[in-house]
Every structure is written in C-alpha cells, then in structure tokens.
Amino acid sequence: MEEVKASMAGSVWKITVAVGDQVTEGQDVVILESMKMEIPIASESDGTVKEIKVAEGDFVNEGDTIAVIELGIKLFMV
C-alpha cells in the first residue's frame, strides 16, 4: 500500500480520482490550493485507489495522508 501525502499545507481544491480507479505513476490524485496557486499531488506508483481520506474543501497539513493506493503488479517482458 502507498499513502499519498500532502507535500505542503493547503485546501483540497479538487479530487481527481475515485475509490476503485486505476492510477498510474505520476497521475494527479488531488489538487491543493495554497496562496492562490494550484498544487497537484500525484501517485508515486501504479495501483488502485483504495481510500480517499479527504473531501474537497478540507484543509491539510504537510505530510497528511490524502489517499491510499493498493500497488499494482508490473510485468516485464524479457
């Protein structure tokens, strides 16, 4: 499991995924708003969204868990 964490304090402006969605490494999970700037927070790995721990409009601090991703299995062809 991967916990997607806030990289800075701010308000949750938009949640871009839902529980059960497949996400890829680098895909935005939420967008925070801080000091009139939009800050995308991305998944660091491929997987499935298992839990979203925030709602739009919530305030989060740096390091707060935003979502939980169940890691996918990468298959490589040799």
C-alpha atoms as a PDB file:
ATOM      1  CA  MET A   1       0.000   0.000   0.000  1.00  0.00           C
ATOM      2  CA  GLU A   2       1.146   3.508  -0.762  1.00  0.00           C
ATOM      3  CA  GLU A   3      -0.043   6.542   1.161  1.00  0.00           C
ATOM      4  CA  VAL A   4      -0.298   9.656  -0.983  1.00  0.00           C
ATOM      5  CA  LYS A   5       0.708  12.538   1.269  1.00  0.00           C
ATOM      6  CA  ALA A   6       0.346  16.313   1.046  1.00  0.00           C
ATOM      7  CA  SER A   7       3.625  17.963   0.076  1.00  0.00           C
ATOM      8  CA  MET A   8       2.529  21.249   1.658  1.00  0.00           C
ATOM      9  CA  ALA A   9      -0.318  22.748   3.654  1.00  0.00           C
ATOM     10  CA  GLY A  10      -3.363  23.880   1.718  1.00  0.00           C
ATOM     11  CA  SER A  11      -7.028  23.363   0.927  1.00  0.00           C
ATOM     12  CA  VAL A  12      -8.209  20.406  -1.139  1.00  0.00           C
ATOM     13  CA  TRP A  13      -9.445  22.172  -4.262  1.00  0.00           C
ATOM     14  CA  LYS A  14     -10.306  19.151  -6.414  1.00  0.00           C
ATOM     15  CA  ILE A  15     -10.207  15.365  -6.072  1.00  0.00           C
ATOM     16  CA  THR A  16      -9.388  13.872  -9.479  1.00  0.00           C
ATOM     17  CA  VAL A  17      -9.854  10.152  -8.709  1.00  0.00           C
ATOM     18  CA  ALA A  18     -12.433   7.930  -7.002  1.00  0.00           C
ATOM     19  CA  VAL A  19     -12.185   4.772  -4.919  1.00  0.00           C
ATOM     20  CA  GLY A  20     -11.648   1.836  -7.270  1.00  0.00           C
ATOM     21  CA  ASP A  21      -9.965   3.911 -10.005  1.00  0.00           C
ATOM     22  CA  GLN A  22      -6.753   2.613 -11.557  1.00  0.00           C
ATOM     23  CA  VAL A  23      -3.930   5.172 -11.321  1.00  0.00           C
ATOM     24  CA  THR A  24      -0.501   5.309 -12.890  1.00  0.00           C
ATOM     25  CA  GLU A  25       2.756   6.672 -11.522  1.00  0.00           C
ATOM     26  CA  GLY A  26       2.696  10.458 -11.820  1.00  0.00           C
ATOM     27  CA  GLN A  27      -1.096  10.712 -12.191  1.00  0.00           C
ATOM     28  CA  ASP A  28      -2.700  13.515 -10.173  1.00  0.00           C
ATOM     29  CA  VAL A  29      -4.821  12.307  -7.261  1.00  0.00           C
ATOM     30  CA  VAL A  30      -5.835  15.685  -5.810  1.00  0.00           C
ATOM     31  CA  ILE A  31      -5.138  19.334  -6.445  1.00  0.00           C
ATOM     32  CA  LEU A  32      -4.410  21.538  -3.451  1.00  0.00           C
ATOM     33  CA  GLU A  33      -4.856  25.303  -3.366  1.00  0.00           C
ATOM     34  CA  SER A  34      -2.397  27.349  -1.365  1.00  0.00           C
ATOM     35  CA  MET A  35      -1.695  31.078  -1.641  1.00  0.00           C
ATOM     36  CA  LYS A  36      -3.840  31.249  -4.826  1.00  0.00           C
ATOM     37  CA  MET A  37      -1.705  28.551  -6.510  1.00  0.00           C
ATOM     38  CA  GLU A  38      -2.830  25.082  -7.595  1.00  0.00           C
ATOM     39  CA  ILE A  39      -0.532  22.275  -6.437  1.00  0.00           C
ATOM     40  CA  PRO A  40      -1.132  18.824  -7.976  1.00  0.00           C
ATOM     41  CA  ILE A  41      -0.416  15.844  -5.721  1.00  0.00           C
ATOM     42  CA  ALA A  42       0.391  12.711  -7.724  1.00  0.00           C
ATOM     43  CA  SER A  43       0.590   8.991  -7.063  1.00  0.00           C
ATOM     44  CA  GLU A  44       4.158   7.706  -6.868  1.00  0.00           C
ATOM     45  CA  SER A  45       3.240   4.295  -8.275  1.00  0.00           C
ATOM     46  CA  ASP A  46       0.727   2.328 -10.332  1.00  0.00           C
ATOM     47  CA  GLY A  47      -2.218   0.819  -8.497  1.00  0.00           C
ATOM     48  CA  THR A  48      -5.851   1.055  -7.422  1.00  0.00           C
ATOM     49  CA  VAL A  49      -7.323   3.791  -5.221  1.00  0.00           C
ATOM     50  CA  LYS A  50      -8.461   2.016  -2.026  1.00  0.00           C
ATOM     51  CA  GLU A  51      -9.341   5.003   0.145  1.00  0.00           C
ATOM     52  CA  ILE A  52      -9.655   8.769  -0.117  1.00  0.00           C
ATOM     53  CA  LYS A  53      -9.116  10.372   3.279  1.00  0.00           C
ATOM     54  CA  VAL A  54     -10.084  13.963   2.422  1.00  0.00           C
ATOM     55  CA  ALA A  55     -13.007  15.844   0.906  1.00  0.00           C
ATOM     56  CA  GLU A  56     -12.985  18.892  -1.343  1.00  0.00           C
ATOM     57  CA  GLY A  57     -12.665  21.976   0.843  1.00  0.00           C
ATOM     58  CA  ASP A  58     -10.750  20.197   3.635  1.00  0.00           C
ATOM     59  CA  PHE A  59      -7.545  21.786   4.900  1.00  0.00           C
ATOM     60  CA  VAL A  60      -4.487  19.513   5.028  1.00  0.00           C
ATOM     61  CA  ASN A  61      -1.068  19.979   6.565  1.00  0.00           C
ATOM     62  CA  GLU A  62       2.219  18.893   5.048  1.00  0.00           C
ATOM     63  CA  GLY A  63       2.584  15.128   5.484  1.00  0.00           C
ATOM     64  CA  ASP A  64      -1.138  14.403   5.948  1.00  0.00           C
ATOM     65  CA  THR A  65      -2.347  11.274   4.154  1.00  0.00           C
ATOM     66  CA  ILE A  66      -4.672  12.180   1.282  1.00  0.00           C
ATOM     67  CA  ALA A  67      -5.319   8.759  -0.270  1.00  0.00           C
ATOM     68  CA  VAL A  68      -4.269   5.117  -0.071  1.00  0.00           C
ATOM     69  CA  ILE A  69      -3.205   3.247  -3.231  1.00  0.00           C
ATOM     70  CA  GLU A  70      -3.016  -0.547  -3.441  1.00  0.00           C
ATOM     71  CA  LEU A  71       0.067  -1.195  -5.525  1.00  0.00           C
ATOM     72  CA  GLY A  72      -0.302  -2.904  -8.874  1.00  0.00           C
ATOM     73  CA  ILE A  73       1.994  -5.577 -10.218  1.00  0.00           C
ATOM     74  CA  LYS A  74       4.241  -4.586 -13.094  1.00  0.00           C
ATOM     75  CA  LEU A  75       5.012  -7.328 -15.565  1.00  0.00           C
ATOM     76  CA  PHE A  76       8.089  -7.064 -17.716  1.00  0.00           C
ATOM     77  CA  MET A  77       8.650  -8.956 -20.940  1.00  0.00           C
ATOM     78  CA  VAL A  78      12.134 -10.322 -21.400  1.00  0.00           C
END
